[in-house]
Amino acid sequence: MLNNTSALEALAIGIDIGGTGTKFGIVDRVGNVLFSSEISTRKHTDVNDFIDELHTELSKLIDNVGGIGRIKGIGVGAPNGNFYTGTIEYAPNLPWKGIIPLARMMEDKFKIPVVLTNDANAAAIGEMMYGAAQGMKDFIMITLGTGVGSGIVANGKLVYGHDGFAGELGHTTIIPNGRLHEGTGKRGSLESYASATGVRLTTLEILEKSTEPSSLRSVPSDQIDSKKVYEAAIAGDTVAKQIFESTGTILGAALANFVMFSSPEAIILFGGLTKAGDLILKPTRESMEANLIQIFQNKVKILVSHLKESDAAILGASALAWDLK
């Protein structure tokens, strides 16, 4: 254990709560993750048990840096996290139902300030502090994972809206009366098409509707995922390339709408689908530009996040804590 903690620089804790696992770490002001670990989210049906285990495991990391006196605060990114109230509200992929006053519960346990927000908003703040958006005052962060998350930064401030839930761009309708989103019961949302889940559904649809040869036909339908589609595309599979072309075209049209709404300097993409590189980025850029009116064309960069994926969620959450009083 370190001594003389008052003379040492302050540190922040970042916690990223996911449906399966919760990642957490201790971060310095320049974005170095000094210590990190993970616990299961799914196994805790009682949120109090979850907080107890989180406290036990985080305390070990806190001891490693010299004790709680060095910690400025805790930032938490969570699905359906409300920045204004510190609550998680009706998160469909978490084991705790209803409205959970998580920030208050954690403050009671840890005895230090806690701030909470939506996981995609946390990613946007992390990108602004540590990543590709450093120095930018207007940008949109889009996370392309199992779903499509987003965080909108305008005039240097994250847009929360009147209730704390602004920026659900993944649930905007991009194809009226389109594909059903099982989680929301709505049709035609961006998330239904431009997520890893959407890529899987597009693959199944194309394989069913066409007779074109594809290596993906030898993969059992329950094993098809975006990674297998990517591997097939890299190997030259025409159908797999068509799937990414279609996904990028839909994503680009949605991004054009977002650009014309907030006129960002850049759109920053993060998450598993970005690993497909130009297979998805090229059609996305082309579609975005084709759908923009002239005053917006060729002004907005599409960038891939600079943050290391394994650390990004922790960094984003920890960035929240630096603004705590």
Protein backbone atom coordinates (compact mmCIF):
# COMPACT_ATOMS: atom_id res chain seq x y z
CA MET A 1 0.00 0.00 0.00
CA LEU A 2 1.10 3.53 -0.83
CA ASN A 3 1.60 6.14 1.89
CA ASN A 4 0.98 9.90 2.07
CA THR A 5 -2.16 9.68 -0.10
CA SER A 6 -2.92 13.39 0.24
CA ALA A 7 0.21 14.25 -1.76
CA LEU A 8 -0.65 11.89 -4.60
CA GLU A 9 -2.77 12.77 -7.62
CA ALA A 10 -6.48 12.05 -7.46
CA LEU A 11 -7.86 9.04 -9.29
CA ALA A 12 -11.32 8.09 -10.54
CA ILE A 13 -13.21 4.82 -10.68
CA GLY A 14 -15.08 3.82 -13.83
CA ILE A 15 -17.75 1.12 -13.80
CA ASP A 16 -19.47 -0.25 -16.91
CA ILE A 17 -22.55 -2.35 -16.14
CA GLY A 18 -23.53 -4.76 -18.88
CA GLY A 19 -26.20 -7.41 -19.05
CA THR A 20 -23.67 -10.22 -18.68
CA GLY A 21 -20.69 -8.68 -16.88
CA THR A 22 -19.66 -5.52 -15.07
CA LYS A 23 -16.20 -4.10 -15.77
CA PHE A 24 -14.52 -1.63 -13.44
CA GLY A 25 -11.17 0.04 -12.99
CA ILE A 26 -9.18 2.86 -11.47
CA VAL A 27 -8.09 5.56 -13.91
CA ASP A 28 -5.79 8.57 -13.78
CA ARG A 29 -6.48 11.94 -15.40
CA VAL A 30 -4.69 11.12 -18.64
CA GLY A 31 -6.60 7.91 -19.21
CA ASN A 32 -4.30 5.20 -17.88
CA VAL A 33 -6.26 2.29 -16.44
CA LEU A 34 -4.10 1.45 -13.43
CA PHE A 35 -6.07 -1.57 -12.18
CA SER A 36 -9.18 -3.27 -13.53
CA SER A 37 -11.35 -6.31 -12.98
CA GLU A 38 -14.80 -7.71 -13.73
CA ILE A 39 -17.68 -9.45 -11.98
CA SER A 40 -20.83 -11.15 -13.23
CA THR A 41 -23.93 -9.00 -13.52
CA ARG A 42 -26.25 -11.78 -14.57
CA LYS A 43 -25.86 -13.95 -11.47
CA HIS A 44 -27.15 -11.23 -9.11
CA THR A 45 -30.95 -11.14 -9.13
CA ASP A 46 -30.81 -8.87 -6.05
CA VAL A 47 -29.07 -5.54 -6.73
CA ASN A 48 -27.91 -5.38 -3.09
CA ASP A 49 -25.90 -8.58 -3.59
CA PHE A 50 -24.42 -7.07 -6.76
CA ILE A 51 -23.31 -3.92 -4.90
CA ASP A 52 -21.85 -6.03 -2.08
CA GLU A 53 -19.66 -8.03 -4.47
CA LEU A 54 -18.70 -4.89 -6.41
CA HIS A 55 -17.62 -3.25 -3.14
CA THR A 56 -15.57 -6.28 -2.12
CA GLU A 57 -13.73 -6.50 -5.43
CA LEU A 58 -13.25 -2.76 -5.92
CA SER A 59 -11.90 -2.38 -2.40
CA LYS A 60 -8.99 -4.62 -3.38
CA LEU A 61 -8.10 -2.26 -6.24
CA ILE A 62 -8.55 0.81 -4.05
CA ASP A 63 -6.08 -0.65 -1.54
CA ASN A 64 -3.58 -1.09 -4.40
CA VAL A 65 -3.51 2.68 -5.04
CA GLY A 66 -3.28 3.78 -1.43
CA GLY A 67 -6.84 3.83 -0.17
CA ILE A 68 -10.15 5.61 -0.64
CA GLY A 69 -8.55 9.01 0.07
CA ARG A 70 -7.13 9.07 -3.47
CA ILE A 71 -10.49 8.45 -5.17
CA LYS A 72 -12.30 11.59 -6.38
CA GLY A 73 -15.45 9.69 -7.22
CA ILE A 74 -17.12 6.89 -9.12
CA GLY A 75 -18.61 7.15 -12.60
CA VAL A 76 -21.06 4.48 -13.75
CA GLY A 77 -22.29 3.73 -17.26
CA ALA A 78 -25.38 1.54 -17.41
CA PRO A 79 -28.22 0.68 -19.78
CA ASN A 80 -31.14 3.08 -19.24
CA GLY A 81 -29.05 5.06 -16.75
CA ASN A 82 -30.53 8.47 -15.92
CA PHE A 83 -27.91 11.17 -15.29
CA TYR A 84 -30.37 13.47 -13.54
CA THR A 85 -31.72 10.98 -11.01
CA GLY A 86 -28.86 8.46 -10.68
CA THR A 87 -31.34 5.68 -11.39
CA ILE A 88 -31.43 2.75 -13.79
CA GLU A 89 -34.93 2.68 -15.22
CA TYR A 90 -36.58 -0.39 -16.73
CA ALA A 91 -33.41 -1.79 -18.31
CA PRO A 92 -34.56 -4.83 -20.33
CA ASN A 93 -31.21 -6.64 -20.32
CA LEU A 94 -30.40 -6.31 -16.60
CA PRO A 95 -31.61 -8.73 -13.91
CA TRP A 96 -33.14 -5.92 -11.77
CA LYS A 97 -36.53 -4.66 -12.84
CA GLY A 98 -38.20 -1.31 -12.39
CA ILE A 99 -36.38 1.79 -11.15
CA ILE A 100 -33.12 1.15 -9.27
CA PRO A 101 -31.58 4.12 -7.34
CA LEU A 102 -28.11 2.77 -8.04
CA ALA A 103 -26.05 5.94 -7.51
CA ARG A 104 -27.55 6.54 -4.06
CA MET A 105 -27.14 2.88 -3.08
CA MET A 106 -23.48 2.94 -4.15
CA GLU A 107 -22.79 6.21 -2.34
CA ASP A 108 -24.20 4.64 0.83
CA LYS A 109 -21.86 1.67 0.37
CA PHE A 110 -18.65 3.37 -0.78
CA LYS A 111 -19.02 6.70 1.09
CA ILE A 112 -17.78 8.70 -1.91
CA PRO A 113 -19.69 10.60 -4.67
CA VAL A 114 -21.19 8.54 -7.49
CA VAL A 115 -22.52 9.77 -10.86
CA LEU A 116 -24.39 7.58 -13.32
CA THR A 117 -25.44 7.88 -16.95
CA ASN A 118 -26.41 5.83 -19.97
CA ASP A 119 -23.58 3.57 -21.17
CA ALA A 120 -23.41 5.17 -24.62
CA ASN A 121 -23.31 8.66 -23.09
CA ALA A 122 -20.41 7.50 -20.94
CA ALA A 123 -18.62 6.32 -24.08
CA ALA A 124 -19.10 9.77 -25.65
CA ILE A 125 -17.64 11.51 -22.62
CA GLY A 126 -14.69 9.11 -22.65
CA GLU A 127 -14.08 9.79 -26.33
CA MET A 128 -14.13 13.54 -25.68
CA MET A 129 -11.69 13.30 -22.77
CA TYR A 130 -9.34 10.56 -23.94
CA GLY A 131 -10.06 9.60 -27.57
CA ALA A 132 -10.76 10.76 -31.12
CA ALA A 133 -13.02 13.63 -30.00
CA GLN A 134 -10.41 15.46 -27.93
CA GLY A 135 -10.79 19.16 -28.71
CA MET A 136 -14.20 18.72 -30.39
CA LYS A 137 -17.30 20.52 -29.12
CA ASP A 138 -19.81 18.98 -31.51
CA PHE A 139 -19.83 15.28 -32.33
CA ILE A 140 -21.96 12.17 -32.17
CA MET A 141 -20.77 8.88 -30.74
CA ILE A 142 -22.41 5.76 -32.17
CA THR A 143 -21.73 2.38 -30.57
CA LEU A 144 -22.27 -0.56 -32.92
CA GLY A 145 -22.47 -3.64 -30.73
CA THR A 146 -25.27 -6.03 -29.84
CA GLY A 147 -27.43 -2.92 -30.13
CA VAL A 148 -26.87 0.64 -31.38
CA GLY A 149 -26.16 3.21 -28.67
CA SER A 150 -25.41 6.90 -29.05
CA GLY A 151 -24.27 10.00 -27.26
CA ILE A 152 -24.70 13.51 -28.69
CA VAL A 153 -22.31 16.29 -27.72
CA ALA A 154 -23.30 19.84 -28.73
CA ASN A 155 -21.41 23.01 -27.77
CA GLY A 156 -19.12 20.89 -25.61
CA LYS A 157 -21.98 19.46 -23.53
CA LEU A 158 -23.64 16.08 -23.61
CA VAL A 159 -27.27 16.34 -24.62
CA TYR A 160 -29.44 14.74 -21.92
CA GLY A 161 -32.85 16.21 -22.70
CA HIS A 162 -35.46 17.19 -20.09
CA ASP A 163 -35.66 13.67 -18.59
CA GLY A 164 -32.11 12.38 -18.98
CA PHE A 165 -32.82 10.01 -21.85
CA ALA A 166 -32.00 12.08 -24.96
CA GLY A 167 -29.88 10.49 -27.66
CA GLU A 168 -31.55 7.14 -28.31
CA LEU A 169 -30.61 7.31 -31.97
CA GLY A 170 -30.57 3.52 -32.27
CA HIS A 171 -34.33 3.50 -31.73
CA THR A 172 -35.12 6.10 -34.38
CA THR A 173 -37.17 4.75 -37.29
CA ILE A 174 -35.10 4.40 -40.43
CA ILE A 175 -37.38 2.03 -42.39
CA PRO A 176 -41.09 2.66 -41.73
CA ASN A 177 -42.97 -0.59 -40.98
CA GLY A 178 -39.65 -2.42 -41.26
CA ARG A 179 -38.10 -5.19 -39.20
CA LEU A 180 -39.60 -5.86 -35.77
CA HIS A 181 -37.40 -5.03 -32.78
CA GLU A 182 -38.22 -7.69 -30.21
CA GLY A 183 -37.02 -5.61 -27.27
CA THR A 184 -39.23 -2.58 -27.93
CA GLY A 185 -42.00 -3.98 -30.11
CA LYS A 186 -41.37 -1.16 -32.63
CA ARG A 187 -40.64 -1.61 -36.32
CA GLY A 188 -37.87 -0.33 -38.57
CA SER A 189 -35.43 1.04 -35.99
CA LEU A 190 -31.77 1.62 -36.82
CA GLU A 191 -30.79 -0.90 -34.15
CA SER A 192 -32.78 -3.59 -35.98
CA TYR A 193 -30.43 -3.27 -38.96
CA ALA A 194 -27.07 -1.71 -38.01
CA SER A 195 -26.20 -3.73 -34.89
CA ALA A 196 -24.48 -7.10 -34.67
CA THR A 197 -27.95 -8.51 -34.07
CA GLY A 198 -29.18 -6.71 -37.18
CA VAL A 199 -26.36 -8.12 -39.31
CA ARG A 200 -27.34 -11.62 -38.19
CA LEU A 201 -30.99 -11.02 -39.12
CA THR A 202 -30.04 -9.53 -42.50
CA THR A 203 -27.89 -12.58 -43.19
CA LEU A 204 -30.74 -14.99 -42.43
CA GLU A 205 -33.12 -12.97 -44.62
CA ILE A 206 -30.76 -12.81 -47.60
CA LEU A 207 -29.89 -16.49 -47.41
CA GLU A 208 -33.59 -17.35 -47.36
CA LYS A 209 -34.60 -15.04 -50.21
CA SER A 210 -31.73 -15.73 -52.61
CA THR A 211 -30.18 -18.85 -54.12
CA GLU A 212 -26.74 -17.29 -54.59
CA PRO A 213 -23.91 -19.58 -53.42
CA SER A 214 -22.33 -18.62 -50.10
CA SER A 215 -20.08 -20.26 -47.53
CA LEU A 216 -22.55 -18.97 -44.93
CA ARG A 217 -25.08 -21.58 -46.11
CA SER A 218 -22.94 -24.26 -44.44
CA VAL A 219 -23.18 -22.50 -41.06
CA PRO A 220 -26.12 -23.61 -38.86
CA SER A 221 -28.57 -20.71 -38.58
CA ASP A 222 -28.26 -20.55 -34.79
CA GLN A 223 -24.48 -20.09 -35.15
CA ILE A 224 -24.53 -17.25 -37.67
CA ASP A 225 -23.22 -13.99 -36.22
CA SER A 226 -21.52 -10.82 -37.45
CA LYS A 227 -18.06 -12.30 -36.89
CA LYS A 228 -18.78 -15.22 -39.24
CA VAL A 229 -20.20 -12.84 -41.82
CA TYR A 230 -17.02 -10.74 -41.59
CA GLU A 231 -14.80 -13.82 -41.98
CA ALA A 232 -16.77 -14.87 -45.05
CA ALA A 233 -16.55 -11.39 -46.56
CA ILE A 234 -12.79 -11.22 -46.05
CA ALA A 235 -12.53 -14.59 -47.82
CA GLY A 236 -14.33 -13.07 -50.82
CA ASP A 237 -17.88 -14.31 -50.22
CA THR A 238 -20.18 -12.18 -52.40
CA VAL A 239 -23.25 -12.59 -50.19
CA ALA A 240 -21.31 -11.59 -47.06
CA LYS A 241 -20.04 -8.47 -48.81
CA GLN A 242 -23.62 -7.68 -49.85
CA ILE A 243 -24.71 -7.93 -46.20
CA PHE A 244 -22.18 -5.31 -45.10
CA GLU A 245 -23.07 -3.14 -48.11
CA SER A 246 -26.73 -3.23 -47.11
CA THR A 247 -25.96 -2.55 -43.45
CA GLY A 248 -23.69 0.38 -44.30
CA THR A 249 -26.25 1.87 -46.67
CA ILE A 250 -28.91 1.90 -43.95
CA LEU A 251 -26.47 3.21 -41.33
CA GLY A 252 -25.28 5.99 -43.64
CA ALA A 253 -28.83 7.16 -44.35
CA ALA A 254 -29.48 7.34 -40.60
CA LEU A 255 -26.24 9.26 -40.03
CA ALA A 256 -27.29 11.78 -42.67
CA ASN A 257 -30.44 12.47 -40.64
CA PHE A 258 -28.37 12.92 -37.49
CA VAL A 259 -25.96 15.30 -39.26
CA MET A 260 -28.79 17.49 -40.53
CA PHE A 261 -30.22 17.62 -37.01
CA SER A 262 -27.11 18.67 -35.06
CA SER A 263 -24.36 19.55 -37.59
CA PRO A 264 -21.52 17.71 -35.80
CA GLU A 265 -17.86 18.03 -36.65
CA ALA A 266 -17.56 14.26 -36.68
CA ILE A 267 -19.40 11.03 -36.12
CA ILE A 268 -17.32 8.56 -34.14
CA LEU A 269 -18.09 4.88 -34.48
CA PHE A 270 -17.22 2.38 -31.78
CA GLY A 271 -17.87 -1.31 -31.21
CA GLY A 272 -17.54 -4.72 -32.75
CA LEU A 273 -18.95 -3.92 -36.20
CA THR A 274 -16.24 -1.29 -36.82
CA LYS A 275 -13.74 -4.18 -37.03
CA ALA A 276 -15.18 -4.88 -40.48
CA GLY A 277 -13.30 -1.76 -41.64
CA ASP A 278 -14.08 -0.52 -45.14
CA LEU A 279 -16.53 -3.38 -45.69
CA ILE A 280 -18.98 -1.32 -43.65
CA LEU A 281 -17.31 2.13 -43.49
CA LYS A 282 -17.17 2.67 -47.26
CA PRO A 283 -20.89 2.12 -47.93
CA THR A 284 -21.71 4.06 -44.76
CA ARG A 285 -19.75 7.13 -45.91
CA GLU A 286 -21.15 6.94 -49.45
CA SER A 287 -24.73 6.58 -48.23
CA MET A 288 -24.38 9.41 -45.71
CA GLU A 289 -23.06 11.84 -48.31
CA ALA A 290 -25.69 10.78 -50.86
CA ASN A 291 -28.48 11.52 -48.37
CA LEU A 292 -27.18 14.90 -47.18
CA ILE A 293 -28.37 18.18 -48.64
CA GLN A 294 -25.62 20.25 -50.19
CA ILE A 295 -24.77 22.54 -47.27
CA PHE A 296 -23.81 19.52 -45.15
CA GLN A 297 -21.95 17.48 -47.76
CA ASN A 298 -18.24 16.76 -47.34
CA LYS A 299 -18.09 18.52 -43.97
CA VAL A 300 -18.55 15.72 -41.43
CA LYS A 301 -15.87 13.15 -40.70
CA ILE A 302 -16.71 9.54 -39.91
CA LEU A 303 -14.04 8.32 -37.51
CA VAL A 304 -13.42 5.07 -35.69
CA SER A 305 -12.88 5.39 -31.94
CA HIS A 306 -9.27 5.73 -30.75
CA LEU A 307 -10.02 4.04 -27.45
CA LYS A 308 -8.81 0.53 -26.77
CA GLU A 309 -11.99 -1.53 -26.77
CA SER A 310 -11.19 -3.47 -23.62
CA ASP A 311 -10.68 -0.21 -21.67
CA ALA A 312 -13.15 2.09 -23.39
CA ALA A 313 -16.15 1.41 -21.19
CA ILE A 314 -14.14 1.93 -18.00
CA LEU A 315 -12.55 5.11 -19.36
CA GLY A 316 -15.88 6.55 -20.42
CA ALA A 317 -17.46 5.91 -17.05
CA SER A 318 -14.45 7.23 -15.12
CA ALA A 319 -14.51 10.48 -17.12
CA LEU A 320 -17.85 11.28 -15.48
CA ALA A 321 -16.21 11.40 -12.07
CA TRP A 322 -13.80 14.25 -12.84
CA ASP A 323 -16.67 16.79 -12.85
CA LEU A 324 -17.84 15.79 -9.38
CA LYS A 325 -17.53 18.51 -6.77
